[in-house]
Amino acid sequence: MATFLVTYHGGDGMPATPEARQQVMAAFAAWAQSVGGAMLDPGAPLTAVKRVSPDGVGDGPADGPVGGYTLLSAETIDEATGLVASHPFVTRGGVLQVSQAAELS
């Protein structure tokens, strides 16, 4: 099985009201349950951002912010993409990027 990093880009962020945040979290929990054992790490929303480059450390994102992540296990990138096809983040206007971790052995 390969490991896939799913990064969250754009979207409307977390809703302002506690009730709306609870709905977002419930939708994510339902999706996570549907993925089952393929989820290696549910990840977390990301907030603080620093950039590390040959020029040093600076504030701000590196060519577009990543707002969160999830780690999945799947046989192929197509299988991993299928696992996130129904992710509620997409219905809120966000985009998911699925990247396969390279095996370095």
PDB file of N, CA and C in Angstrom:
ATOM      1  N   MET A   1       0.850  -1.185   0.000  1.00  0.00           N
ATOM      2  CA  MET A   1       0.000   0.000   0.000  1.00  0.00           C
ATOM      3  C   MET A   1       0.890   1.241   0.000  1.00  0.00           C
ATOM      4  N   ALA A   2       0.461   2.219  -0.737  1.00  0.00           N
ATOM      5  CA  ALA A   2       1.172   3.494  -0.786  1.00  0.00           C
ATOM      6  C   ALA A   2       0.500   4.481   0.176  1.00  0.00           C
ATOM      7  N   THR A   3       1.224   5.542   0.498  1.00  0.00           N
ATOM      8  CA  THR A   3       0.699   6.606   1.348  1.00  0.00           C
ATOM      9  C   THR A   3       0.433   7.828   0.482  1.00  0.00           C
ATOM     10  N   PHE A   4      -0.709   8.472   0.719  1.00  0.00           N
ATOM     11  CA  PHE A   4      -1.108   9.646  -0.041  1.00  0.00           C
ATOM     12  C   PHE A   4      -1.390  10.804   0.905  1.00  0.00           C
ATOM     13  N   LEU A   5      -0.834  11.957   0.575  1.00  0.00           N
ATOM     14  CA  LEU A   5      -1.076  13.188   1.317  1.00  0.00           C
ATOM     15  C   LEU A   5      -2.174  13.950   0.600  1.00  0.00           C
ATOM     16  N   VAL A   6      -3.256  14.207   1.295  1.00  0.00           N
ATOM     17  CA  VAL A   6      -4.358  14.994   0.755  1.00  0.00           C
ATOM     18  C   VAL A   6      -4.262  16.370   1.400  1.00  0.00           C
ATOM     19  N   THR A   7      -4.068  17.403   0.588  1.00  0.00           N
ATOM     20  CA  THR A   7      -3.988  18.759   1.125  1.00  0.00           C
ATOM     21  C   THR A   7      -5.222  19.543   0.718  1.00  0.00           C
ATOM     22  N   TYR A   8      -5.635  20.430   1.593  1.00  0.00           N
ATOM     23  CA  TYR A   8      -6.868  21.201   1.449  1.00  0.00           C
ATOM     24  C   TYR A   8      -6.510  22.622   1.024  1.00  0.00           C
ATOM     25  N   HIS A   9      -7.123  23.085  -0.065  1.00  0.00           N
ATOM     26  CA  HIS A   9      -6.815  24.407  -0.604  1.00  0.00           C
ATOM     27  C   HIS A   9      -8.107  25.180  -0.811  1.00  0.00           C
ATOM     28  N   GLY A  10      -8.119  26.454  -0.399  1.00  0.00           N
ATOM     29  CA  GLY A  10      -9.278  27.311  -0.626  1.00  0.00           C
ATOM     30  C   GLY A  10     -10.431  26.968   0.288  1.00  0.00           C
ATOM     31  N   GLY A  11     -11.616  27.074  -0.245  1.00  0.00           N
ATOM     32  CA  GLY A  11     -12.809  26.833   0.558  1.00  0.00           C
ATOM     33  C   GLY A  11     -13.158  28.059   1.370  1.00  0.00           C
ATOM     34  N   ASP A  12     -14.200  27.931   2.123  1.00  0.00           N
ATOM     35  CA  ASP A  12     -14.694  29.053   2.916  1.00  0.00           C
ATOM     36  C   ASP A  12     -14.136  29.077   4.328  1.00  0.00           C
ATOM     37  N   GLY A  13     -13.220  28.181   4.650  1.00  0.00           N
ATOM     38  CA  GLY A  13     -12.723  28.113   6.018  1.00  0.00           C
ATOM     39  C   GLY A  13     -13.774  27.545   6.943  1.00  0.00           C
ATOM     40  N   MET A  14     -13.507  27.622   8.213  1.00  0.00           N
ATOM     41  CA  MET A  14     -14.473  27.133   9.198  1.00  0.00           C
ATOM     42  C   MET A  14     -15.570  28.177   9.384  1.00  0.00           C
ATOM     43  N   PRO A  15     -16.814  27.739   9.479  1.00  0.00           N
ATOM     44  CA  PRO A  15     -17.918  28.677   9.688  1.00  0.00           C
ATOM     45  C   PRO A  15     -17.791  29.422  11.022  1.00  0.00           C
ATOM     46  N   ALA A  16     -18.447  30.550  11.098  1.00  0.00           N
ATOM     47  CA  ALA A  16     -18.328  31.421  12.266  1.00  0.00           C
ATOM     48  C   ALA A  16     -19.139  30.949  13.468  1.00  0.00           C
ATOM     49  N   THR A  17     -20.277  30.312  13.227  1.00  0.00           N
ATOM     50  CA  THR A  17     -21.129  29.948  14.357  1.00  0.00           C
ATOM     51  C   THR A  17     -20.802  28.547  14.875  1.00  0.00           C
ATOM     52  N   PRO A  18     -20.977  28.333  16.165  1.00  0.00           N
ATOM     53  CA  PRO A  18     -20.733  26.997  16.727  1.00  0.00           C
ATOM     54  C   PRO A  18     -21.595  25.915  16.073  1.00  0.00           C
ATOM     55  N   GLU A  19     -22.829  26.256  15.738  1.00  0.00           N
ATOM     56  CA  GLU A  19     -23.731  25.278  15.121  1.00  0.00           C
ATOM     57  C   GLU A  19     -23.219  24.867  13.746  1.00  0.00           C
ATOM     58  N   ALA A  20     -22.790  25.841  12.963  1.00  0.00           N
ATOM     59  CA  ALA A  20     -22.276  25.550  11.623  1.00  0.00           C
ATOM     60  C   ALA A  20     -20.966  24.766  11.701  1.00  0.00           C
ATOM     61  N   ARG A  21     -20.096  25.103  12.658  1.00  0.00           N
ATOM     62  CA  ARG A  21     -18.848  24.352  12.845  1.00  0.00           C
ATOM     63  C   ARG A  21     -19.153  22.907  13.207  1.00  0.00           C
ATOM     64  N   GLN A  22     -20.169  22.708  14.040  1.00  0.00           N
ATOM     65  CA  GLN A  22     -20.562  21.360  14.431  1.00  0.00           C
ATOM     66  C   GLN A  22     -21.042  20.574  13.209  1.00  0.00           C
ATOM     67  N   GLN A  23     -21.774  21.206  12.315  1.00  0.00           N
ATOM     68  CA  GLN A  23     -22.230  20.538  11.094  1.00  0.00           C
ATOM     69  C   GLN A  23     -21.051  20.147  10.208  1.00  0.00           C
ATOM     70  N   VAL A  24     -20.062  21.049  10.082  1.00  0.00           N
ATOM     71  CA  VAL A  24     -18.867  20.756   9.287  1.00  0.00           C
ATOM     72  C   VAL A  24     -18.125  19.565   9.884  1.00  0.00           C
ATOM     73  N   MET A  25     -17.958  19.559  11.196  1.00  0.00           N
ATOM     74  CA  MET A  25     -17.238  18.462  11.852  1.00  0.00           C
ATOM     75  C   MET A  25     -17.999  17.144  11.732  1.00  0.00           C
ATOM     76  N   ALA A  26     -19.332  17.203  11.801  1.00  0.00           N
ATOM     77  CA  ALA A  26     -20.135  15.990  11.645  1.00  0.00           C
ATOM     78  C   ALA A  26     -20.007  15.439  10.227  1.00  0.00           C
ATOM     79  N   ALA A  27     -19.993  16.319   9.226  1.00  0.00           N
ATOM     80  CA  ALA A  27     -19.826  15.877   7.838  1.00  0.00           C
ATOM     81  C   ALA A  27     -18.449  15.242   7.645  1.00  0.00           C
ATOM     82  N   PHE A  28     -17.412  15.843   8.237  1.00  0.00           N
ATOM     83  CA  PHE A  28     -16.067  15.269   8.134  1.00  0.00           C
ATOM     84  C   PHE A  28     -16.020  13.909   8.829  1.00  0.00           C
ATOM     85  N   ALA A  29     -16.622  13.792  10.003  1.00  0.00           N
ATOM     86  CA  ALA A  29     -16.620  12.519  10.741  1.00  0.00           C
ATOM     87  C   ALA A  29     -17.324  11.427   9.936  1.00  0.00           C
ATOM     88  N   ALA A  30     -18.423  11.779   9.272  1.00  0.00           N
ATOM     89  CA  ALA A  30     -19.133  10.799   8.445  1.00  0.00           C
ATOM     90  C   ALA A  30     -18.265  10.362   7.274  1.00  0.00           C
ATOM     91  N   TRP A  31     -17.590  11.318   6.628  1.00  0.00           N
ATOM     92  CA  TRP A  31     -16.685  10.966   5.531  1.00  0.00           C
ATOM     93  C   TRP A  31     -15.550  10.091   6.041  1.00  0.00           C
ATOM     94  N   ALA A  32     -14.939  10.466   7.156  1.00  0.00           N
ATOM     95  CA  ALA A  32     -13.826   9.701   7.719  1.00  0.00           C
ATOM     96  C   ALA A  32     -14.256   8.271   8.033  1.00  0.00           C
ATOM     97  N   GLN A  33     -15.453   8.105   8.543  1.00  0.00           N
ATOM     98  CA  GLN A  33     -15.954   6.760   8.832  1.00  0.00           C
ATOM     99  C   GLN A  33     -16.121   5.976   7.534  1.00  0.00           C
ATOM    100  N   SER A  34     -16.540   6.630   6.465  1.00  0.00           N
ATOM    101  CA  SER A  34     -16.723   5.930   5.192  1.00  0.00           C
ATOM    102  C   SER A  34     -15.399   5.476   4.595  1.00  0.00           C
ATOM    103  N   VAL A  35     -14.308   6.191   4.891  1.00  0.00           N
ATOM    104  CA  VAL A  35     -12.981   5.824   4.394  1.00  0.00           C
ATOM    105  C   VAL A  35     -12.412   4.649   5.187  1.00  0.00           C
ATOM    106  N   GLY A  36     -12.779   4.554   6.445  1.00  0.00           N
ATOM    107  CA  GLY A  36     -12.373   3.428   7.283  1.00  0.00           C
ATOM    108  C   GLY A  36     -10.870   3.338   7.499  1.00  0.00           C
ATOM    109  N   GLY A  37     -10.339   2.128   7.378  1.00  0.00           N
ATOM    110  CA  GLY A  37      -8.928   1.866   7.664  1.00  0.00           C
ATOM    111  C   GLY A  37      -7.952   2.476   6.680  1.00  0.00           C
ATOM    112  N   ALA A  38      -8.450   3.030   5.580  1.00  0.00           N
ATOM    113  CA  ALA A  38      -7.551   3.687   4.630  1.00  0.00           C
ATOM    114  C   ALA A  38      -6.994   4.991   5.199  1.00  0.00           C
ATOM    115  N   MET A  39      -7.643   5.535   6.245  1.00  0.00           N
ATOM    116  CA  MET A  39      -7.165   6.778   6.833  1.00  0.00           C
ATOM    117  C   MET A  39      -6.051   6.467   7.827  1.00  0.00           C
ATOM    118  N   LEU A  40      -4.870   6.959   7.523  1.00  0.00           N
ATOM    119  CA  LEU A  40      -3.720   6.775   8.405  1.00  0.00           C
ATOM    120  C   LEU A  40      -3.654   7.861   9.464  1.00  0.00           C
ATOM    121  N   ASP A  41      -4.057   9.062   9.099  1.00  0.00           N
ATOM    122  CA  ASP A  41      -4.027  10.220   9.989  1.00  0.00           C
ATOM    123  C   ASP A  41      -5.095  11.180   9.488  1.00  0.00           C
ATOM    124  N   PRO A  42      -6.097  11.516  10.319  1.00  0.00           N
ATOM    125  CA  PRO A  42      -7.140  12.405   9.846  1.00  0.00           C
ATOM    126  C   PRO A  42      -6.635  13.816   9.573  1.00  0.00           C
ATOM    127  N   GLY A  43      -5.460  14.136  10.082  1.00  0.00           N
ATOM    128  CA  GLY A  43      -4.905  15.452   9.854  1.00  0.00           C
ATOM    129  C   GLY A  43      -5.541  16.492  10.740  1.00  0.00           C
ATOM    130  N   ALA A  44      -5.396  17.738  10.322  1.00  0.00           N
ATOM    131  CA  ALA A  44      -5.901  18.859  11.109  1.00  0.00           C
ATOM    132  C   ALA A  44      -5.914  20.100  10.242  1.00  0.00           C
ATOM    133  N   PRO A  45      -6.780  21.046  10.574  1.00  0.00           N
ATOM    134  CA  PRO A  45      -6.687  22.343   9.904  1.00  0.00           C
ATOM    135  C   PRO A  45      -5.343  22.985  10.259  1.00  0.00           C
ATOM    136  N   LEU A  46      -4.833  23.769   9.347  1.00  0.00           N
ATOM    137  CA  LEU A  46      -3.551  24.441   9.576  1.00  0.00           C
ATOM    138  C   LEU A  46      -3.786  25.940   9.669  1.00  0.00           C
ATOM    139  N   THR A  47      -3.006  26.618  10.513  1.00  0.00           N
ATOM    140  CA  THR A  47      -3.188  28.061  10.660  1.00  0.00           C
ATOM    141  C   THR A  47      -1.884  28.809  10.429  1.00  0.00           C
ATOM    142  N   ALA A  48      -0.953  28.784  11.346  1.00  0.00           N
ATOM    143  CA  ALA A  48       0.274  29.559  11.217  1.00  0.00           C
ATOM    144  C   ALA A  48       1.091  29.062  10.035  1.00  0.00           C
ATOM    145  N   VAL A  49       1.675  29.992   9.283  1.00  0.00           N
ATOM    146  CA  VAL A  49       2.450  29.633   8.102  1.00  0.00           C
ATOM    147  C   VAL A  49       3.762  30.397   8.096  1.00  0.00           C
ATOM    148  N   LYS A  50       4.848  29.690   7.887  1.00  0.00           N
ATOM    149  CA  LYS A  50       6.162  30.293   7.631  1.00  0.00           C
ATOM    150  C   LYS A  50       6.708  29.641   6.374  1.00  0.00           C
ATOM    151  N   ARG A  51       7.509  30.349   5.647  1.00  0.00           N
ATOM    152  CA  ARG A  51       8.104  29.854   4.413  1.00  0.00           C
ATOM    153  C   ARG A  51       9.604  29.708   4.625  1.00  0.00           C
ATOM    154  N   VAL A  52      10.144  28.565   4.237  1.00  0.00           N
ATOM    155  CA  VAL A  52      11.587  28.331   4.307  1.00  0.00           C
ATOM    156  C   VAL A  52      12.080  28.168   2.875  1.00  0.00           C
ATOM    157  N   SER A  53      13.028  28.998   2.486  1.00  0.00           N
ATOM    158  CA  SER A  53      13.551  28.967   1.120  1.00  0.00           C
ATOM    159  C   SER A  53      15.050  29.237   1.162  1.00  0.00           C
ATOM    160  N   PRO A  54      15.712  29.173   0.018  1.00  0.00           N
ATOM    161  CA  PRO A  54      17.143  29.517   0.001  1.00  0.00           C
ATOM    162  C   PRO A  54      17.417  30.936   0.500  1.00  0.00           C
ATOM    163  N   ASP A  55      16.397  31.796   0.441  1.00  0.00           N
ATOM    164  CA  ASP A  55      16.544  33.171   0.921  1.00  0.00           C
ATOM    165  C   ASP A  55      16.366  33.293   2.422  1.00  0.00           C
ATOM    166  N   GLY A  56      16.004  32.199   3.090  1.00  0.00           N
ATOM    167  CA  GLY A  56      15.795  32.231   4.530  1.00  0.00           C
ATOM    168  C   GLY A  56      14.356  31.942   4.896  1.00  0.00           C
ATOM    169  N   VAL A  57      14.015  32.294   6.133  1.00  0.00           N
ATOM    170  CA  VAL A  57      12.674  32.057   6.659  1.00  0.00           C
ATOM    171  C   VAL A  57      11.874  33.342   6.534  1.00  0.00           C
ATOM    172  N   GLY A  58      10.643  33.220   6.055  1.00  0.00           N
ATOM    173  CA  GLY A  58       9.790  34.390   5.914  1.00  0.00           C
ATOM    174  C   GLY A  58       8.363  34.063   6.292  1.00  0.00           C
ATOM    175  N   ASP A  59       7.558  35.079   6.360  1.00  0.00           N
ATOM    176  CA  ASP A  59       6.138  34.898   6.654  1.00  0.00           C
ATOM    177  C   ASP A  59       5.389  34.560   5.378  1.00  0.00           C
ATOM    178  N   GLY A  60       4.281  33.857   5.530  1.00  0.00           N
ATOM    179  CA  GLY A  60       3.403  33.585   4.407  1.00  0.00           C
ATOM    180  C   GLY A  60       3.621  32.228   3.778  1.00  0.00           C
ATOM    181  N   PRO A  61       2.664  31.851   2.924  1.00  0.00           N
ATOM    182  CA  PRO A  61       2.687  30.530   2.311  1.00  0.00           C
ATOM    183  C   PRO A  61       3.677  30.427   1.159  1.00  0.00           C
ATOM    184  N   ALA A  62       3.972  29.214   0.782  1.00  0.00           N
ATOM    185  CA  ALA A  62       4.820  28.926  -0.370  1.00  0.00           C
ATOM    186  C   ALA A  62       3.914  28.670  -1.564  1.00  0.00           C
ATOM    187  N   ASP A  63       3.764  29.652  -2.442  1.00  0.00           N
ATOM    188  CA  ASP A  63       2.971  29.506  -3.673  1.00  0.00           C
ATOM    189  C   ASP A  63       1.611  28.894  -3.435  1.00  0.00           C
ATOM    190  N   GLY A  64       0.818  29.504  -2.636  1.00  0.00           N
ATOM    191  CA  GLY A  64      -0.545  29.054  -2.380  1.00  0.00           C
ATOM    192  C   GLY A  64      -0.649  28.302  -1.075  1.00  0.00           C
ATOM    193  N   PRO A  65      -1.557  28.732  -0.227  1.00  0.00           N
ATOM    194  CA  PRO A  65      -1.649  28.135   1.096  1.00  0.00           C
ATOM    195  C   PRO A  65      -2.253  26.730   1.081  1.00  0.00           C
ATOM    196  N   VAL A  66      -1.807  25.938   2.013  1.00  0.00           N
ATOM    197  CA  VAL A  66      -2.423  24.648   2.313  1.00  0.00           C
ATOM    198  C   VAL A  66      -3.177  24.852   3.612  1.00  0.00           C
ATOM    199  N   GLY A  67      -4.469  24.571   3.605  1.00  0.00           N
ATOM    200  CA  GLY A  67      -5.291  24.837   4.778  1.00  0.00           C
ATOM    201  C   GLY A  67      -5.473  23.654   5.702  1.00  0.00           C
ATOM    202  N   GLY A  68      -5.000  22.476   5.306  1.00  0.00           N
ATOM    203  CA  GLY A  68      -5.137  21.285   6.135  1.00  0.00           C
ATOM    204  C   GLY A  68      -4.607  20.084   5.380  1.00  0.00           C
ATOM    205  N   TYR A  69      -4.644  18.921   6.033  1.00  0.00           N
ATOM    206  CA  TYR A  69      -4.124  17.719   5.403  1.00  0.00           C
ATOM    207  C   TYR A  69      -4.794  16.486   5.975  1.00  0.00           C
ATOM    208  N   THR A  70      -4.685  15.381   5.249  1.00  0.00           N
ATOM    209  CA  THR A  70      -5.092  14.047   5.678  1.00  0.00           C
ATOM    210  C   THR A  70      -4.118  13.069   5.040  1.00  0.00           C
ATOM    211  N   LEU A  71      -3.776  11.998   5.745  1.00  0.00           N
ATOM    212  CA  LEU A  71      -2.964  10.924   5.174  1.00  0.00           C
ATOM    213  C   LEU A  71      -3.823   9.704   4.946  1.00  0.00           C
ATOM    214  N   LEU A  72      -3.765   9.157   3.729  1.00  0.00           N
ATOM    215  CA  LEU A  72      -4.528   7.969   3.373  1.00  0.00           C
ATOM    216  C   LEU A  72      -3.593   6.868   2.879  1.00  0.00           C
ATOM    217  N   SER A  73      -4.064   5.657   2.980  1.00  0.00           N
ATOM    218  CA  SER A  73      -3.366   4.503   2.432  1.00  0.00           C
ATOM    219  C   SER A  73      -4.229   3.925   1.320  1.00  0.00           C
ATOM    220  N   ALA A  74      -3.632   3.670   0.162  1.00  0.00           N
ATOM    221  CA  ALA A  74      -4.364   3.103  -0.970  1.00  0.00           C
ATOM    222  C   ALA A  74      -3.375   2.407  -1.888  1.00  0.00           C
ATOM    223  N   GLU A  75      -3.879   1.566  -2.768  1.00  0.00           N
ATOM    224  CA  GLU A  75      -3.028   0.860  -3.727  1.00  0.00           C
ATOM    225  C   GLU A  75      -2.534   1.786  -4.843  1.00  0.00           C
ATOM    226  N   THR A  76      -3.414   2.687  -5.305  1.00  0.00           N
ATOM    227  CA  THR A  76      -3.076   3.561  -6.427  1.00  0.00           C
ATOM    228  C   THR A  76      -3.590   4.976  -6.158  1.00  0.00           C
ATOM    229  N   ILE A  77      -3.094   5.922  -6.929  1.00  0.00           N
ATOM    230  CA  ILE A  77      -3.567   7.295  -6.789  1.00  0.00           C
ATOM    231  C   ILE A  77      -5.037   7.399  -7.202  1.00  0.00           C
ATOM    232  N   ASP A  78      -5.466   6.581  -8.155  1.00  0.00           N
ATOM    233  CA  ASP A  78      -6.878   6.598  -8.547  1.00  0.00           C
ATOM    234  C   ASP A  78      -7.765   6.126  -7.399  1.00  0.00           C
ATOM    235  N   GLU A  79      -7.305   5.113  -6.663  1.00  0.00           N
ATOM    236  CA  GLU A  79      -8.067   4.652  -5.497  1.00  0.00           C
ATOM    237  C   GLU A  79      -8.116   5.739  -4.433  1.00  0.00           C
ATOM    238  N   ALA A  80      -6.985   6.397  -4.177  1.00  0.00           N
ATOM    239  CA  ALA A  80      -6.942   7.478  -3.182  1.00  0.00           C
ATOM    240  C   ALA A  80      -7.859   8.625  -3.598  1.00  0.00           C
ATOM    241  N   THR A  81      -7.849   8.968  -4.877  1.00  0.00           N
ATOM    242  CA  THR A  81      -8.710  10.034  -5.378  1.00  0.00           C
ATOM    243  C   THR A  81     -10.175   9.658  -5.208  1.00  0.00           C
ATOM    244  N   GLY A  82     -10.492   8.393  -5.440  1.00  0.00           N
ATOM    245  CA  GLY A  82     -11.861   7.925  -5.231  1.00  0.00           C
ATOM    246  C   GLY A  82     -12.298   8.048  -3.788  1.00  0.00           C
ATOM    247  N   LEU A  83     -11.359   7.841  -2.862  1.00  0.00           N
ATOM    248  CA  LEU A  83     -11.697   7.948  -1.443  1.00  0.00           C
ATOM    249  C   LEU A  83     -12.085   9.368  -1.048  1.00  0.00           C
ATOM    250  N   VAL A  84     -11.531  10.366  -1.725  1.00  0.00           N
ATOM    251  CA  VAL A  84     -11.836  11.754  -1.361  1.00  0.00           C
ATOM    252  C   VAL A  84     -12.878  12.399  -2.273  1.00  0.00           C
ATOM    253  N   ALA A  85     -13.387  11.648  -3.234  1.00  0.00           N
ATOM    254  CA  ALA A  85     -14.354  12.215  -4.179  1.00  0.00           C
ATOM    255  C   ALA A  85     -15.592  12.772  -3.484  1.00  0.00           C
ATOM    256  N   SER A  86     -15.980  12.167  -2.373  1.00  0.00           N
ATOM    257  CA  SER A  86     -17.186  12.630  -1.659  1.00  0.00           C
ATOM    258  C   SER A  86     -16.847  13.465  -0.423  1.00  0.00           C
ATOM    259  N   HIS A  87     -15.634  13.958  -0.337  1.00  0.00           N
ATOM    260  CA  HIS A  87     -15.210  14.732   0.836  1.00  0.00           C
ATOM    261  C   HIS A  87     -16.049  16.001   0.971  1.00  0.00           C
ATOM    262  N   PRO A  88     -16.551  16.300   2.164  1.00  0.00           N
ATOM    263  CA  PRO A  88     -17.404  17.488   2.333  1.00  0.00           C
ATOM    264  C   PRO A  88     -16.687  18.807   2.103  1.00  0.00           C
ATOM    265  N   PHE A  89     -15.375  18.845   2.180  1.00  0.00           N
ATOM    266  CA  PHE A  89     -14.632  20.085   1.931  1.00  0.00           C
ATOM    267  C   PHE A  89     -14.866  20.578   0.502  1.00  0.00           C
ATOM    268  N   VAL A  90     -15.000  19.642  -0.430  1.00  0.00           N
ATOM    269  CA  VAL A  90     -15.231  20.005  -1.827  1.00  0.00           C
ATOM    270  C   VAL A  90     -16.597  20.655  -1.990  1.00  0.00           C
ATOM    271  N   THR A  91     -17.587  20.157  -1.267  1.00  0.00           N
ATOM    272  CA  THR A  91     -18.928  20.748  -1.372  1.00  0.00           C
ATOM    273  C   THR A  91     -18.975  22.151  -0.770  1.00  0.00           C
ATOM    274  N   ARG A  92     -17.976  22.489   0.064  1.00  0.00           N
ATOM    275  CA  ARG A  92     -17.903  23.836   0.636  1.00  0.00           C
ATOM    276  C   ARG A  92     -17.057  24.769  -0.226  1.00  0.00           C
ATOM    277  N   GLY A  93     -16.685  24.312  -1.439  1.00  0.00           N
ATOM    278  CA  GLY A  93     -15.953  25.177  -2.360  1.00  0.00           C
ATOM    279  C   GLY A  93     -14.457  24.979  -2.364  1.00  0.00           C
ATOM    280  N   GLY A  94     -13.944  24.030  -1.596  1.00  0.00           N
ATOM    281  CA  GLY A  94     -12.513  23.797  -1.540  1.00  0.00           C
ATOM    282  C   GLY A  94     -12.033  22.823  -2.606  1.00  0.00           C
ATOM    283  N   VAL A  95     -10.737  22.749  -2.737  1.00  0.00           N
ATOM    284  CA  VAL A  95     -10.085  21.841  -3.675  1.00  0.00           C
ATOM    285  C   VAL A  95      -9.150  20.948  -2.876  1.00  0.00           C
ATOM    286  N   LEU A  96      -9.136  19.658  -3.204  1.00  0.00           N
ATOM    287  CA  LEU A  96      -8.228  18.716  -2.570  1.00  0.00           C
ATOM    288  C   LEU A  96      -7.146  18.321  -3.563  1.00  0.00           C
ATOM    289  N   GLN A  97      -5.920  18.295  -3.109  1.00  0.00           N
ATOM    290  CA  GLN A  97      -4.809  17.801  -3.930  1.00  0.00           C
ATOM    291  C   GLN A  97      -4.371  16.475  -3.326  1.00  0.00           C
ATOM    292  N   VAL A  98      -4.265  15.438  -4.140  1.00  0.00           N
ATOM    293  CA  VAL A  98      -3.834  14.112  -3.685  1.00  0.00           C
ATOM    294  C   VAL A  98      -2.436  13.881  -4.244  1.00  0.00           C
ATOM    295  N   SER A  99      -1.473  13.688  -3.352  1.00  0.00           N
ATOM    296  CA  SER A  99      -0.082  13.474  -3.755  1.00  0.00           C
ATOM    297  C   SER A  99       0.399  12.148  -3.177  1.00  0.00           C
ATOM    298  N   GLN A 100       1.057  11.351  -4.021  1.00  0.00           N
ATOM    299  CA  GLN A 100       1.595  10.079  -3.554  1.00  0.00           C
ATOM    300  C   GLN A 100       2.975  10.289  -2.957  1.00  0.00           C
ATOM    301  N   ALA A 101       3.200   9.696  -1.795  1.00  0.00           N
ATOM    302  CA  ALA A 101       4.521   9.752  -1.170  1.00  0.00           C
ATOM    303  C   ALA A 101       5.447   8.795  -1.928  1.00  0.00           C
ATOM    304  N   ALA A 102       6.604   9.276  -2.294  1.00  0.00           N
ATOM    305  CA  ALA A 102       7.567   8.446  -3.011  1.00  0.00           C
ATOM    306  C   ALA A 102       8.205   7.443  -2.053  1.00  0.00           C
ATOM    307  N   GLU A 103       8.406   6.232  -2.541  1.00  0.00           N
ATOM    308  CA  GLU A 103       9.111   5.237  -1.738  1.00  0.00           C
ATOM    309  C   GLU A 103      10.607   5.412  -2.004  1.00  0.00           C
ATOM    310  N   LEU A 104      11.363   5.662  -0.957  1.00  0.00           N
ATOM    311  CA  LEU A 104      12.774   6.010  -1.111  1.00  0.00           C
ATOM    312  C   LEU A 104      13.722   4.852  -0.864  1.00  0.00           C
ATOM    313  N   SER A 105      13.216   3.644  -0.846  1.00  0.00           N
ATOM    314  CA  SER A 105      14.110   2.508  -0.598  1.00  0.00           C
ATOM    315  C   SER A 105      14.720   1.977  -1.871  1.00  0.00           C
TER     316      SER A 105
END
